[in-house]
Amino acid sequence: MSSTGDKVKGMANEAVGNVKQGVGKATDNDKLKAEGEVQEKKGEAQQAVGKAKDAVKKGVDKA
């Protein structure tokens, strides 16, 4: 997957995770809140992968 694709999927997962957390808190659903936290962390990791790919590409382009 491209760095942009990783970053976009990461942002989407983060957003969905935040929504799940909010709904979980509002409905007092600990399972949904936990799922949201996991999904948000997954999104953050995906974005980090995308940023790392960008950094590597920029380093290769400069060489």
N, C-alpha and C. Protein backbone atom coordinates (compact mmCIF):
# COMPACT_ATOMS: atom_id res chain seq x y z
N MET A 1 0.84 -1.18 0.00
CA MET A 1 0.00 0.00 0.00
C MET A 1 0.88 1.24 0.00
N SER A 2 0.42 2.29 -0.62
CA SER A 2 1.20 3.53 -0.69
C SER A 2 1.18 4.25 0.65
N SER A 3 2.10 5.17 0.81
CA SER A 3 2.15 5.94 2.06
C SER A 3 0.87 6.74 2.25
N THR A 4 0.35 7.29 1.16
CA THR A 4 -0.90 8.05 1.26
C THR A 4 -2.05 7.15 1.67
N GLY A 5 -2.10 5.95 1.09
CA GLY A 5 -3.15 5.00 1.45
C GLY A 5 -3.08 4.61 2.91
N ASP A 6 -1.87 4.40 3.42
CA ASP A 6 -1.70 4.07 4.83
C ASP A 6 -2.20 5.21 5.71
N LYS A 7 -1.84 6.43 5.33
CA LYS A 7 -2.25 7.57 6.15
C LYS A 7 -3.77 7.78 6.11
N VAL A 8 -4.37 7.59 4.95
CA VAL A 8 -5.83 7.76 4.83
C VAL A 8 -6.56 6.69 5.63
N LYS A 9 -6.13 5.43 5.49
CA LYS A 9 -6.77 4.36 6.26
C LYS A 9 -6.56 4.59 7.75
N GLY A 10 -5.40 5.08 8.10
CA GLY A 10 -5.11 5.37 9.51
C GLY A 10 -6.05 6.42 10.07
N MET A 11 -6.24 7.49 9.30
CA MET A 11 -7.16 8.55 9.75
C MET A 11 -8.58 8.02 9.88
N ALA A 12 -8.98 7.18 8.94
CA ALA A 12 -10.33 6.61 8.99
C ALA A 12 -10.50 5.73 10.23
N ASN A 13 -9.51 4.87 10.48
CA ASN A 13 -9.58 4.01 11.65
C ASN A 13 -9.59 4.83 12.94
N GLU A 14 -8.81 5.88 12.97
CA GLU A 14 -8.78 6.74 14.15
C GLU A 14 -10.15 7.38 14.37
N ALA A 15 -10.75 7.88 13.30
CA ALA A 15 -12.05 8.53 13.40
C ALA A 15 -13.13 7.56 13.87
N VAL A 16 -13.16 6.37 13.27
CA VAL A 16 -14.15 5.36 13.66
C VAL A 16 -13.92 4.94 15.11
N GLY A 17 -12.65 4.82 15.49
CA GLY A 17 -12.33 4.46 16.87
C GLY A 17 -12.83 5.50 17.85
N ASN A 18 -12.66 6.76 17.50
CA ASN A 18 -13.15 7.83 18.37
C ASN A 18 -14.67 7.81 18.50
N VAL A 19 -15.35 7.54 17.40
CA VAL A 19 -16.82 7.46 17.43
C VAL A 19 -17.25 6.29 18.32
N LYS A 20 -16.61 5.14 18.14
CA LYS A 20 -16.95 3.97 18.98
C LYS A 20 -16.74 4.28 20.46
N GLN A 21 -15.64 4.96 20.76
CA GLN A 21 -15.38 5.31 22.15
C GLN A 21 -16.47 6.22 22.70
N GLY A 22 -16.87 7.20 21.90
CA GLY A 22 -17.92 8.13 22.32
C GLY A 22 -19.24 7.43 22.55
N VAL A 23 -19.60 6.55 21.62
CA VAL A 23 -20.86 5.81 21.77
C VAL A 23 -20.77 4.87 22.97
N GLY A 24 -19.61 4.24 23.13
CA GLY A 24 -19.42 3.35 24.26
C GLY A 24 -19.56 4.07 25.59
N LYS A 25 -19.00 5.28 25.67
CA LYS A 25 -19.12 6.08 26.89
C LYS A 25 -20.56 6.50 27.12
N ALA A 26 -21.21 6.95 26.04
CA ALA A 26 -22.59 7.44 26.15
C ALA A 26 -23.56 6.33 26.56
N THR A 27 -23.30 5.11 26.10
CA THR A 27 -24.22 4.00 26.39
C THR A 27 -23.70 3.12 27.52
N ASP A 28 -22.59 3.52 28.12
CA ASP A 28 -21.97 2.76 29.21
C ASP A 28 -21.63 1.34 28.76
N ASN A 29 -21.12 1.24 27.51
CA ASN A 29 -20.76 -0.05 26.92
C ASN A 29 -19.23 -0.15 26.91
N ASP A 30 -18.69 -0.84 27.91
CA ASP A 30 -17.23 -0.95 28.04
C ASP A 30 -16.60 -1.68 26.87
N LYS A 31 -17.29 -2.67 26.32
CA LYS A 31 -16.74 -3.44 25.20
C LYS A 31 -16.56 -2.53 23.97
N LEU A 32 -17.56 -1.74 23.67
CA LEU A 32 -17.50 -0.85 22.52
C LEU A 32 -16.44 0.23 22.73
N LYS A 33 -16.34 0.72 23.94
CA LYS A 33 -15.33 1.72 24.27
C LYS A 33 -13.93 1.14 24.06
N ALA A 34 -13.72 -0.10 24.51
CA ALA A 34 -12.42 -0.76 24.34
C ALA A 34 -12.11 -1.01 22.87
N GLU A 35 -13.11 -1.44 22.10
CA GLU A 35 -12.92 -1.64 20.66
C GLU A 35 -12.50 -0.34 19.99
N GLY A 36 -13.12 0.76 20.41
CA GLY A 36 -12.78 2.06 19.86
C GLY A 36 -11.35 2.46 20.16
N GLU A 37 -10.91 2.16 21.38
CA GLU A 37 -9.53 2.48 21.76
C GLU A 37 -8.54 1.68 20.91
N VAL A 38 -8.84 0.40 20.71
CA VAL A 38 -7.96 -0.45 19.90
C VAL A 38 -7.93 0.05 18.46
N GLN A 39 -9.08 0.38 17.92
CA GLN A 39 -9.15 0.84 16.53
C GLN A 39 -8.43 2.18 16.37
N GLU A 40 -8.55 3.05 17.37
CA GLU A 40 -7.85 4.33 17.30
C GLU A 40 -6.33 4.11 17.28
N LYS A 41 -5.83 3.21 18.13
CA LYS A 41 -4.40 2.91 18.16
C LYS A 41 -3.93 2.30 16.84
N LYS A 42 -4.79 1.45 16.24
CA LYS A 42 -4.47 0.86 14.94
C LYS A 42 -4.32 1.98 13.90
N GLY A 43 -5.21 2.94 13.94
CA GLY A 43 -5.16 4.06 13.01
C GLY A 43 -3.90 4.88 13.19
N GLU A 44 -3.53 5.11 14.45
CA GLU A 44 -2.30 5.86 14.71
C GLU A 44 -1.09 5.11 14.16
N ALA A 45 -1.08 3.80 14.32
CA ALA A 45 0.04 2.99 13.81
C ALA A 45 0.09 3.04 12.29
N GLN A 46 -1.08 2.96 11.63
CA GLN A 46 -1.12 3.02 10.17
C GLN A 46 -0.58 4.35 9.67
N GLN A 47 -0.94 5.42 10.35
CA GLN A 47 -0.44 6.74 9.94
C GLN A 47 1.08 6.80 10.11
N ALA A 48 1.58 6.21 11.18
CA ALA A 48 3.03 6.20 11.41
C ALA A 48 3.75 5.44 10.30
N VAL A 49 3.15 4.34 9.85
CA VAL A 49 3.74 3.57 8.75
C VAL A 49 3.78 4.43 7.49
N GLY A 50 2.70 5.13 7.21
CA GLY A 50 2.66 6.00 6.04
C GLY A 50 3.70 7.10 6.11
N LYS A 51 3.88 7.69 7.28
CA LYS A 51 4.88 8.74 7.44
C LYS A 51 6.29 8.17 7.29
N ALA A 52 6.50 6.97 7.79
CA ALA A 52 7.82 6.33 7.66
C ALA A 52 8.13 6.05 6.19
N LYS A 53 7.12 5.58 5.45
CA LYS A 53 7.32 5.33 4.02
C LYS A 53 7.68 6.63 3.30
N ASP A 54 7.01 7.73 3.68
CA ASP A 54 7.34 9.02 3.07
C ASP A 54 8.78 9.41 3.36
N ALA A 55 9.20 9.23 4.60
CA ALA A 55 10.56 9.59 4.99
C ALA A 55 11.60 8.76 4.22
N VAL A 56 11.32 7.47 4.08
CA VAL A 56 12.24 6.61 3.33
C VAL A 56 12.29 7.05 1.86
N LYS A 57 11.13 7.32 1.29
CA LYS A 57 11.08 7.74 -0.11
C LYS A 57 11.85 9.05 -0.31
N LYS A 58 11.67 9.99 0.60
CA LYS A 58 12.38 11.26 0.49
C LYS A 58 13.90 11.04 0.62
N GLY A 59 14.30 10.14 1.49
CA GLY A 59 15.71 9.83 1.65
C GLY A 59 16.29 9.20 0.41
N VAL A 60 15.54 8.31 -0.23
CA VAL A 60 16.00 7.65 -1.46
C VAL A 60 16.06 8.66 -2.60
N ASP A 61 15.07 9.56 -2.66
CA ASP A 61 15.05 10.57 -3.72
C ASP A 61 16.25 11.52 -3.63
N LYS A 62 16.72 11.79 -2.42
CA LYS A 62 17.84 12.70 -2.23
C LYS A 62 19.17 12.04 -2.58
N ALA A 63 19.21 10.70 -2.48
CA ALA A 63 20.47 9.98 -2.73
C ALA A 63 20.85 9.94 -4.18
